[in-house]
Amino acid sequence: MSDPVREYRCIVVVPCYDEAERLRVNVFEDFARANPSILLTFVNDGSRDSTLNVLRALHARAPETINVLNGVHNRGKAEAVRLGLNHALQYNRADVVGFWDADLATPLDAIPDLLGVLESQPDIEMVFGARVKLLGRKVERFAARHYLGRLFATVASVILRMPIYDTQCGAKLFRATPELGRVLQRPFLSRWIFDVEILARFIHQRNGDAHAVAATIYEYPLKVWVDIAGSKVRPKDFLRAILELAAIYRRYLTRTSRE
């Protein structure tokens, strides 16, 4: 399903796999109607349920601001996101692209907040949502996932050589640049921690200068983030993520790494 031919302020990719029962269709539709300058591009990642039908019906209700891409086979969240972002860059009709988790742990109304950072700070290339539990903010995480997440984020920060707080929050926006296009050119090594791999590829492209990449990133403390029941990420995936992190390090962050 091709998106309408028009210019957008921002294109946000929403990867979906077996989301038919929990996709908050009305929330997405209301946001799309209220924000005509933002295109939501849903990527169906070979779902086994009726997700594709749900997405097609959603597109029919807001065709100018909701687009659907269909992947016949399940290739994982990483490739679903890469497919959607490359599609957005290919059509080159927005200055900003990004991705958002379908469960809306981060509410959609945070998109304009992150977008505002890019529009007000020209030196910033990437804005990432950060799940920081501060007074006056509603950040609720399951304890096990929180502590495993903090451990992983610390290891990822050391590997990347940058003081990033939260690599895995599923709310990220990027300027639509040729550099981003090169980062997304090849399939990801990882299925789950592609967020880290994106950063590693940026560092690799800049000849290992992690400081230069870090200077282009803004971490935005989210006002609201709530763990949603039914997540496909399990504690055992932490071990898989560590193995993927080691592969990313060997591929992009050692002196012998090469394209």
C-alpha atoms as a PDB file:
ATOM      1  CA  MET A   1       0.000   0.000   0.000  1.00  0.00           C
ATOM      2  CA  SER A   2       1.809   3.155  -1.134  1.00  0.00           C
ATOM      3  CA  ASP A   3       1.660   6.263   0.988  1.00  0.00           C
ATOM      4  CA  PRO A   4       0.100   9.398  -0.495  1.00  0.00           C
ATOM      5  CA  VAL A   5       2.318  11.675  -2.570  1.00  0.00           C
ATOM      6  CA  ARG A   6       2.816  14.680  -0.320  1.00  0.00           C
ATOM      7  CA  GLU A   7       5.331  16.272   1.995  1.00  0.00           C
ATOM      8  CA  TYR A   8       5.430  15.410   5.696  1.00  0.00           C
ATOM      9  CA  ARG A   9       7.050  16.951   8.727  1.00  0.00           C
ATOM     10  CA  CYS A  10       7.977  13.488   9.956  1.00  0.00           C
ATOM     11  CA  ILE A  11       7.513   9.818   9.020  1.00  0.00           C
ATOM     12  CA  VAL A  12       7.295   7.342  11.917  1.00  0.00           C
ATOM     13  CA  VAL A  13       7.619   3.590  11.358  1.00  0.00           C
ATOM     14  CA  VAL A  14       5.592   1.252  13.580  1.00  0.00           C
ATOM     15  CA  PRO A  15       6.697  -2.419  13.316  1.00  0.00           C
ATOM     16  CA  CYS A  16       3.918  -4.951  13.967  1.00  0.00           C
ATOM     17  CA  TYR A  17       3.986  -8.688  14.580  1.00  0.00           C
ATOM     18  CA  ASP A  18       0.796 -10.451  15.756  1.00  0.00           C
ATOM     19  CA  GLU A  19      -0.640  -7.200  17.121  1.00  0.00           C
ATOM     20  CA  ALA A  20      -4.272  -7.710  16.054  1.00  0.00           C
ATOM     21  CA  GLU A  21      -5.588  -8.169  19.594  1.00  0.00           C
ATOM     22  CA  ARG A  22      -3.751  -5.378  21.345  1.00  0.00           C
ATOM     23  CA  LEU A  23      -3.204  -2.682  18.719  1.00  0.00           C
ATOM     24  CA  ARG A  24      -4.903   0.467  19.989  1.00  0.00           C
ATOM     25  CA  VAL A  25      -6.490   1.332  16.672  1.00  0.00           C
ATOM     26  CA  ASN A  26      -8.545   4.284  17.907  1.00  0.00           C
ATOM     27  CA  VAL A  27      -5.510   5.933  19.498  1.00  0.00           C
ATOM     28  CA  PHE A  28      -3.512   5.690  16.277  1.00  0.00           C
ATOM     29  CA  GLU A  29      -6.428   6.948  14.211  1.00  0.00           C
ATOM     30  CA  ASP A  30      -7.077   9.921  16.490  1.00  0.00           C
ATOM     31  CA  PHE A  31      -3.395  10.883  16.428  1.00  0.00           C
ATOM     32  CA  ALA A  32      -3.223  10.568  12.642  1.00  0.00           C
ATOM     33  CA  ARG A  33      -6.239  12.819  12.157  1.00  0.00           C
ATOM     34  CA  ALA A  34      -4.942  15.400  14.636  1.00  0.00           C
ATOM     35  CA  ASN A  35      -1.415  15.484  13.140  1.00  0.00           C
ATOM     36  CA  PRO A  36      -1.704  15.686   9.335  1.00  0.00           C
ATOM     37  CA  SER A  37       1.998  16.563   8.983  1.00  0.00           C
ATOM     38  CA  ILE A  38       3.105  13.231  10.497  1.00  0.00           C
ATOM     39  CA  LEU A  39       2.844  10.004   8.494  1.00  0.00           C
ATOM     40  CA  LEU A  40       2.544   6.730  10.425  1.00  0.00           C
ATOM     41  CA  THR A  41       3.956   3.839   8.403  1.00  0.00           C
ATOM     42  CA  PHE A  42       2.973   0.448   9.819  1.00  0.00           C
ATOM     43  CA  VAL A  43       5.124  -2.512   8.793  1.00  0.00           C
ATOM     44  CA  ASN A  44       3.446  -5.895   9.098  1.00  0.00           C
ATOM     45  CA  ASP A  45       6.270  -8.335   9.853  1.00  0.00           C
ATOM     46  CA  GLY A  46       4.709 -11.531   8.514  1.00  0.00           C
ATOM     47  CA  SER A  47       2.081 -11.712  11.248  1.00  0.00           C
ATOM     48  CA  ARG A  48       0.262 -15.035  11.714  1.00  0.00           C
ATOM     49  CA  ASP A  49      -2.946 -13.424  12.973  1.00  0.00           C
ATOM     50  CA  SER A  50      -5.206 -10.783  11.404  1.00  0.00           C
ATOM     51  CA  THR A  51      -2.803  -7.881  11.963  1.00  0.00           C
ATOM     52  CA  LEU A  52      -2.628  -7.071   8.249  1.00  0.00           C
ATOM     53  CA  ASN A  53      -6.414  -6.796   7.996  1.00  0.00           C
ATOM     54  CA  VAL A  54      -6.505  -4.534  11.042  1.00  0.00           C
ATOM     55  CA  LEU A  55      -3.814  -2.299   9.533  1.00  0.00           C
ATOM     56  CA  ARG A  56      -5.545  -2.135   6.164  1.00  0.00           C
ATOM     57  CA  ALA A  57      -8.765  -1.081   7.837  1.00  0.00           C
ATOM     58  CA  LEU A  58      -6.865   1.581   9.776  1.00  0.00           C
ATOM     59  CA  HIS A  59      -5.287   2.871   6.567  1.00  0.00           C
ATOM     60  CA  ALA A  60      -8.731   3.091   4.967  1.00  0.00           C
ATOM     61  CA  ARG A  61      -9.926   5.371   7.765  1.00  0.00           C
ATOM     62  CA  ALA A  62      -6.990   7.786   7.501  1.00  0.00           C
ATOM     63  CA  PRO A  63      -5.316   7.171   4.113  1.00  0.00           C
ATOM     64  CA  GLU A  64      -3.389  10.447   4.005  1.00  0.00           C
ATOM     65  CA  THR A  65      -1.604   9.953   7.327  1.00  0.00           C
ATOM     66  CA  ILE A  66      -1.452   6.165   7.719  1.00  0.00           C
ATOM     67  CA  ASN A  67       0.457   3.867   5.399  1.00  0.00           C
ATOM     68  CA  VAL A  68       0.921   0.075   5.498  1.00  0.00           C
ATOM     69  CA  LEU A  69       3.846  -2.001   4.240  1.00  0.00           C
ATOM     70  CA  ASN A  70       3.422  -5.762   4.235  1.00  0.00           C
ATOM     71  CA  GLY A  71       6.239  -8.204   4.827  1.00  0.00           C
ATOM     72  CA  VAL A  72       5.133 -11.680   3.794  1.00  0.00           C
ATOM     73  CA  HIS A  73       7.665 -13.450   6.012  1.00  0.00           C
ATOM     74  CA  ASN A  74       8.571 -12.755   9.635  1.00  0.00           C
ATOM     75  CA  ARG A  75      12.090 -11.332   9.661  1.00  0.00           C
ATOM     76  CA  GLY A  76      12.159  -9.763  13.098  1.00  0.00           C
ATOM     77  CA  LYS A  77      11.635  -6.272  14.462  1.00  0.00           C
ATOM     78  CA  ALA A  78      15.046  -5.053  13.316  1.00  0.00           C
ATOM     79  CA  GLU A  79      14.371  -5.783   9.649  1.00  0.00           C
ATOM     80  CA  ALA A  80      10.794  -4.493   9.878  1.00  0.00           C
ATOM     81  CA  VAL A  81      12.122  -1.165  11.145  1.00  0.00           C
ATOM     82  CA  ARG A  82      14.870  -1.072   8.519  1.00  0.00           C
ATOM     83  CA  LEU A  83      12.335  -1.772   5.755  1.00  0.00           C
ATOM     84  CA  GLY A  84      10.097   1.050   6.952  1.00  0.00           C
ATOM     85  CA  LEU A  85      12.902   3.575   7.400  1.00  0.00           C
ATOM     86  CA  ASN A  86      14.409   2.791   4.005  1.00  0.00           C
ATOM     87  CA  HIS A  87      10.982   3.238   2.433  1.00  0.00           C
ATOM     88  CA  ALA A  88      10.663   6.627   4.126  1.00  0.00           C
ATOM     89  CA  LEU A  89      14.139   7.692   2.984  1.00  0.00           C
ATOM     90  CA  GLN A  90      13.559   6.421  -0.547  1.00  0.00           C
ATOM     91  CA  TYR A  91      10.593   8.700  -1.061  1.00  0.00           C
ATOM     92  CA  ASN A  92      12.473  11.573   0.628  1.00  0.00           C
ATOM     93  CA  ARG A  93       9.372  13.501   1.603  1.00  0.00           C
ATOM     94  CA  ALA A  94      10.218  14.230   5.239  1.00  0.00           C
ATOM     95  CA  ASP A  95      13.179  15.842   6.978  1.00  0.00           C
ATOM     96  CA  VAL A  96      12.775  13.500   9.949  1.00  0.00           C
ATOM     97  CA  VAL A  97      12.127   9.748  10.146  1.00  0.00           C
ATOM     98  CA  GLY A  98      11.939   7.404  13.102  1.00  0.00           C
ATOM     99  CA  PHE A  99      10.300   4.422  14.711  1.00  0.00           C
ATOM    100  CA  TRP A 100       7.847   3.814  17.544  1.00  0.00           C
ATOM    101  CA  ASP A 101       6.759   0.679  19.406  1.00  0.00           C
ATOM    102  CA  ALA A 102       3.288  -0.559  18.478  1.00  0.00           C
ATOM    103  CA  ASP A 103       2.317  -1.201  22.117  1.00  0.00           C
ATOM    104  CA  LEU A 104       2.415   2.558  22.802  1.00  0.00           C
ATOM    105  CA  ALA A 105       4.420   2.160  25.988  1.00  0.00           C
ATOM    106  CA  THR A 106       5.548   5.593  24.837  1.00  0.00           C
ATOM    107  CA  PRO A 107       2.393   7.581  23.991  1.00  0.00           C
ATOM    108  CA  LEU A 108       2.158   9.042  20.510  1.00  0.00           C
ATOM    109  CA  ASP A 109       1.923  12.573  21.866  1.00  0.00           C
ATOM    110  CA  ALA A 110       5.644  12.322  22.665  1.00  0.00           C
ATOM    111  CA  ILE A 111       6.419  12.404  18.923  1.00  0.00           C
ATOM    112  CA  PRO A 112       5.977  16.212  18.677  1.00  0.00           C
ATOM    113  CA  ASP A 113       8.153  16.589  21.805  1.00  0.00           C
ATOM    114  CA  LEU A 114      11.048  14.688  20.249  1.00  0.00           C
ATOM    115  CA  LEU A 115      10.483  16.359  16.905  1.00  0.00           C
ATOM    116  CA  GLY A 116      10.656  19.758  18.573  1.00  0.00           C
ATOM    117  CA  VAL A 117      14.186  19.013  19.789  1.00  0.00           C
ATOM    118  CA  LEU A 118      15.389  18.366  16.238  1.00  0.00           C
ATOM    119  CA  GLU A 119      13.669  21.459  14.933  1.00  0.00           C
ATOM    120  CA  SER A 120      15.098  23.728  17.637  1.00  0.00           C
ATOM    121  CA  GLN A 121      18.640  22.312  17.761  1.00  0.00           C
ATOM    122  CA  PRO A 122      20.225  22.075  14.285  1.00  0.00           C
ATOM    123  CA  ASP A 123      23.347  20.293  15.574  1.00  0.00           C
ATOM    124  CA  ILE A 124      21.300  17.356  16.845  1.00  0.00           C
ATOM    125  CA  GLU A 125      20.841  14.447  14.398  1.00  0.00           C
ATOM    126  CA  MET A 126      19.040  11.923  16.604  1.00  0.00           C
ATOM    127  CA  VAL A 127      16.569  12.179  19.479  1.00  0.00           C
ATOM    128  CA  PHE A 128      15.960   9.106  21.625  1.00  0.00           C
ATOM    129  CA  GLY A 129      13.305   8.665  24.266  1.00  0.00           C
ATOM    130  CA  ALA A 130      14.834   7.835  27.659  1.00  0.00           C
ATOM    131  CA  ARG A 131      12.957   6.016  30.408  1.00  0.00           C
ATOM    132  CA  VAL A 132      14.119   7.957  33.447  1.00  0.00           C
ATOM    133  CA  LYS A 133      12.000   7.729  36.585  1.00  0.00           C
ATOM    134  CA  LEU A 134      11.853  11.352  37.738  1.00  0.00           C
ATOM    135  CA  LEU A 135       9.447  13.138  40.048  1.00  0.00           C
ATOM    136  CA  GLY A 136       6.572  14.532  38.011  1.00  0.00           C
ATOM    137  CA  ARG A 137       6.962  11.890  35.290  1.00  0.00           C
ATOM    138  CA  LYS A 138       5.103   8.609  34.922  1.00  0.00           C
ATOM    139  CA  VAL A 139       7.668   5.925  34.114  1.00  0.00           C
ATOM    140  CA  GLU A 140       6.530   2.458  35.170  1.00  0.00           C
ATOM    141  CA  ARG A 141       8.593  -0.636  34.397  1.00  0.00           C
ATOM    142  CA  PHE A 142       8.414  -4.239  35.536  1.00  0.00           C
ATOM    143  CA  ALA A 143      11.194  -4.707  38.101  1.00  0.00           C
ATOM    144  CA  ALA A 144      12.981  -7.605  36.378  1.00  0.00           C
ATOM    145  CA  ARG A 145      13.009  -5.857  33.002  1.00  0.00           C
ATOM    146  CA  HIS A 146      14.134  -2.598  34.588  1.00  0.00           C
ATOM    147  CA  TYR A 147      17.177  -4.076  36.341  1.00  0.00           C
ATOM    148  CA  LEU A 148      18.182  -6.258  33.406  1.00  0.00           C
ATOM    149  CA  GLY A 149      17.707  -3.237  31.164  1.00  0.00           C
ATOM    150  CA  ARG A 150      19.917  -1.058  33.326  1.00  0.00           C
ATOM    151  CA  LEU A 151      22.631  -3.718  33.323  1.00  0.00           C
ATOM    152  CA  PHE A 152      22.430  -4.060  29.555  1.00  0.00           C
ATOM    153  CA  ALA A 153      22.447  -0.294  29.038  1.00  0.00           C
ATOM    154  CA  THR A 154      25.592   0.006  31.154  1.00  0.00           C
ATOM    155  CA  VAL A 155      27.386  -2.674  29.138  1.00  0.00           C
ATOM    156  CA  ALA A 156      26.214  -1.112  25.856  1.00  0.00           C
ATOM    157  CA  SER A 157      27.450   2.295  26.987  1.00  0.00           C
ATOM    158  CA  VAL A 158      30.916   0.866  27.686  1.00  0.00           C
ATOM    159  CA  ILE A 159      31.020  -0.988  24.363  1.00  0.00           C
ATOM    160  CA  LEU A 160      29.907   2.096  22.404  1.00  0.00           C
ATOM    161  CA  ARG A 161      32.215   4.376  24.392  1.00  0.00           C
ATOM    162  CA  MET A 162      29.505   6.962  24.936  1.00  0.00           C
ATOM    163  CA  PRO A 163      27.504   7.833  28.094  1.00  0.00           C
ATOM    164  CA  ILE A 164      24.116   6.866  26.688  1.00  0.00           C
ATOM    165  CA  TYR A 165      21.493   6.115  29.347  1.00  0.00           C
ATOM    166  CA  ASP A 166      18.858   4.156  27.431  1.00  0.00           C
ATOM    167  CA  THR A 167      19.656   2.397  24.154  1.00  0.00           C
ATOM    168  CA  GLN A 168      16.518   0.265  23.934  1.00  0.00           C
ATOM    169  CA  CYS A 169      13.569   2.622  24.290  1.00  0.00           C
ATOM    170  CA  GLY A 170      11.378   2.124  21.229  1.00  0.00           C
ATOM    171  CA  ALA A 171      10.892   5.830  20.543  1.00  0.00           C
ATOM    172  CA  LYS A 172      13.540   7.307  18.257  1.00  0.00           C
ATOM    173  CA  LEU A 173      13.703  10.036  15.608  1.00  0.00           C
ATOM    174  CA  PHE A 174      16.502  10.785  13.110  1.00  0.00           C
ATOM    175  CA  ARG A 175      17.202  13.471  10.565  1.00  0.00           C
ATOM    176  CA  ALA A 176      16.726  12.001   7.094  1.00  0.00           C
ATOM    177  CA  THR A 177      20.333  12.279   5.923  1.00  0.00           C
ATOM    178  CA  PRO A 178      22.519  10.394   3.436  1.00  0.00           C
ATOM    179  CA  GLU A 179      24.538   9.146   6.432  1.00  0.00           C
ATOM    180  CA  LEU A 180      21.429   7.520   7.899  1.00  0.00           C
ATOM    181  CA  GLY A 181      20.752   5.946   4.510  1.00  0.00           C
ATOM    182  CA  ARG A 182      24.218   4.368   4.536  1.00  0.00           C
ATOM    183  CA  VAL A 183      23.669   3.089   8.078  1.00  0.00           C
ATOM    184  CA  LEU A 184      20.475   1.354   6.962  1.00  0.00           C
ATOM    185  CA  GLN A 185      21.835  -0.008   3.688  1.00  0.00           C
ATOM    186  CA  ARG A 186      22.552  -3.557   4.878  1.00  0.00           C
ATOM    187  CA  PRO A 187      20.498  -5.989   6.992  1.00  0.00           C
ATOM    188  CA  PHE A 188      21.189  -5.883  10.717  1.00  0.00           C
ATOM    189  CA  LEU A 189      23.226  -8.554  12.463  1.00  0.00           C
ATOM    190  CA  SER A 190      20.850  -8.431  15.426  1.00  0.00           C
ATOM    191  CA  ARG A 191      17.129  -9.098  15.723  1.00  0.00           C
ATOM    192  CA  TRP A 192      16.547  -7.293  19.039  1.00  0.00           C
ATOM    193  CA  ILE A 193      19.301  -4.784  19.802  1.00  0.00           C
ATOM    194  CA  PHE A 194      19.432  -3.119  16.407  1.00  0.00           C
ATOM    195  CA  ASP A 195      19.258   0.231  18.248  1.00  0.00           C
ATOM    196  CA  VAL A 196      22.809  -0.419  19.470  1.00  0.00           C
ATOM    197  CA  GLU A 197      23.835  -1.604  16.023  1.00  0.00           C
ATOM    198  CA  ILE A 198      22.594   1.638  14.476  1.00  0.00           C
ATOM    199  CA  LEU A 199      24.843   3.600  16.825  1.00  0.00           C
ATOM    200  CA  ALA A 200      27.762   1.248  16.180  1.00  0.00           C
ATOM    201  CA  ARG A 201      27.350   1.776  12.430  1.00  0.00           C
ATOM    202  CA  PHE A 202      27.358   5.545  12.868  1.00  0.00           C
ATOM    203  CA  ILE A 203      30.568   5.250  14.913  1.00  0.00           C
ATOM    204  CA  HIS A 204      32.102   2.929  12.328  1.00  0.00           C
ATOM    205  CA  GLN A 205      31.270   5.387   9.521  1.00  0.00           C
ATOM    206  CA  ARG A 206      33.021   8.129  11.479  1.00  0.00           C
ATOM    207  CA  ASN A 207      36.216   6.095  11.790  1.00  0.00           C
ATOM    208  CA  GLY A 208      35.557   5.050  15.357  1.00  0.00           C
ATOM    209  CA  ASP A 209      34.904   8.558  16.689  1.00  0.00           C
ATOM    210  CA  ALA A 210      32.234   7.780  19.288  1.00  0.00           C
ATOM    211  CA  HIS A 211      32.494  11.271  20.763  1.00  0.00           C
ATOM    212  CA  ALA A 212      31.514  12.851  17.433  1.00  0.00           C
ATOM    213  CA  VAL A 213      28.446  10.610  17.207  1.00  0.00           C
ATOM    214  CA  ALA A 214      27.477  11.217  20.846  1.00  0.00           C
ATOM    215  CA  ALA A 215      27.536  14.971  20.199  1.00  0.00           C
ATOM    216  CA  THR A 216      24.711  14.533  17.664  1.00  0.00           C
ATOM    217  CA  ILE A 217      22.388  12.607  20.023  1.00  0.00           C
ATOM    218  CA  TYR A 218      19.839  14.059  22.443  1.00  0.00           C
ATOM    219  CA  GLU A 219      18.216  11.783  25.027  1.00  0.00           C
ATOM    220  CA  TYR A 220      14.763  13.089  25.896  1.00  0.00           C
ATOM    221  CA  PRO A 221      13.416  12.042  29.329  1.00  0.00           C
ATOM    222  CA  LEU A 222       9.927  10.801  28.526  1.00  0.00           C
ATOM    223  CA  LYS A 223       6.979  12.243  30.412  1.00  0.00           C
ATOM    224  CA  VAL A 224       5.157   8.904  30.257  1.00  0.00           C
ATOM    225  CA  TRP A 225       6.347   5.343  29.666  1.00  0.00           C
ATOM    226  CA  VAL A 226       4.417   2.338  30.952  1.00  0.00           C
ATOM    227  CA  ASP A 227       5.395  -1.327  30.538  1.00  0.00           C
ATOM    228  CA  ILE A 228       2.657  -3.045  28.563  1.00  0.00           C
ATOM    229  CA  ALA A 229       1.651  -6.624  29.319  1.00  0.00           C
ATOM    230  CA  GLY A 230       2.133  -9.041  26.434  1.00  0.00           C
ATOM    231  CA  SER A 231       5.558  -7.812  25.385  1.00  0.00           C
ATOM    232  CA  LYS A 232       7.469 -10.269  23.203  1.00  0.00           C
ATOM    233  CA  VAL A 233      10.711  -9.548  25.066  1.00  0.00           C
ATOM    234  CA  ARG A 234      11.502 -12.026  27.849  1.00  0.00           C
ATOM    235  CA  PRO A 235      14.241 -12.075  30.515  1.00  0.00           C
ATOM    236  CA  LYS A 236      15.989 -14.913  28.635  1.00  0.00           C
ATOM    237  CA  ASP A 237      16.408 -12.538  25.701  1.00  0.00           C
ATOM    238  CA  PHE A 238      18.916 -10.663  27.863  1.00  0.00           C
ATOM    239  CA  LEU A 239      21.464 -13.444  27.239  1.00  0.00           C
ATOM    240  CA  ARG A 240      20.756 -13.327  23.515  1.00  0.00           C
ATOM    241  CA  ALA A 241      21.232  -9.570  23.579  1.00  0.00           C
ATOM    242  CA  ILE A 242      24.659  -9.922  25.209  1.00  0.00           C
ATOM    243  CA  LEU A 243      25.734 -12.324  22.460  1.00  0.00           C
ATOM    244  CA  GLU A 244      24.456  -9.926  19.822  1.00  0.00           C
ATOM    245  CA  LEU A 245      26.297  -7.087  21.546  1.00  0.00           C
ATOM    246  CA  ALA A 246      29.551  -9.043  21.294  1.00  0.00           C
ATOM    247  CA  ALA A 247      28.941  -9.611  17.575  1.00  0.00           C
ATOM    248  CA  ILE A 248      28.245  -5.905  17.034  1.00  0.00           C
ATOM    249  CA  TYR A 249      31.454  -4.996  18.851  1.00  0.00           C
ATOM    250  CA  ARG A 250      33.555  -7.369  16.725  1.00  0.00           C
ATOM    251  CA  ARG A 251      31.918  -6.204  13.498  1.00  0.00           C
ATOM    252  CA  TYR A 252      31.970  -2.437  13.920  1.00  0.00           C
ATOM    253  CA  LEU A 253      33.935  -1.290  16.951  1.00  0.00           C
ATOM    254  CA  THR A 254      37.306  -3.025  16.874  1.00  0.00           C
ATOM    255  CA  ARG A 255      40.303  -1.718  15.006  1.00  0.00           C
ATOM    256  CA  THR A 256      40.143  -4.673  12.625  1.00  0.00           C
ATOM    257  CA  SER A 257      36.456  -4.196  11.777  1.00  0.00           C
ATOM    258  CA  ARG A 258      35.644  -3.471   8.140  1.00  0.00           C
ATOM    259  CA  GLU A 259      32.667  -3.027   5.808  1.00  0.00           C
END
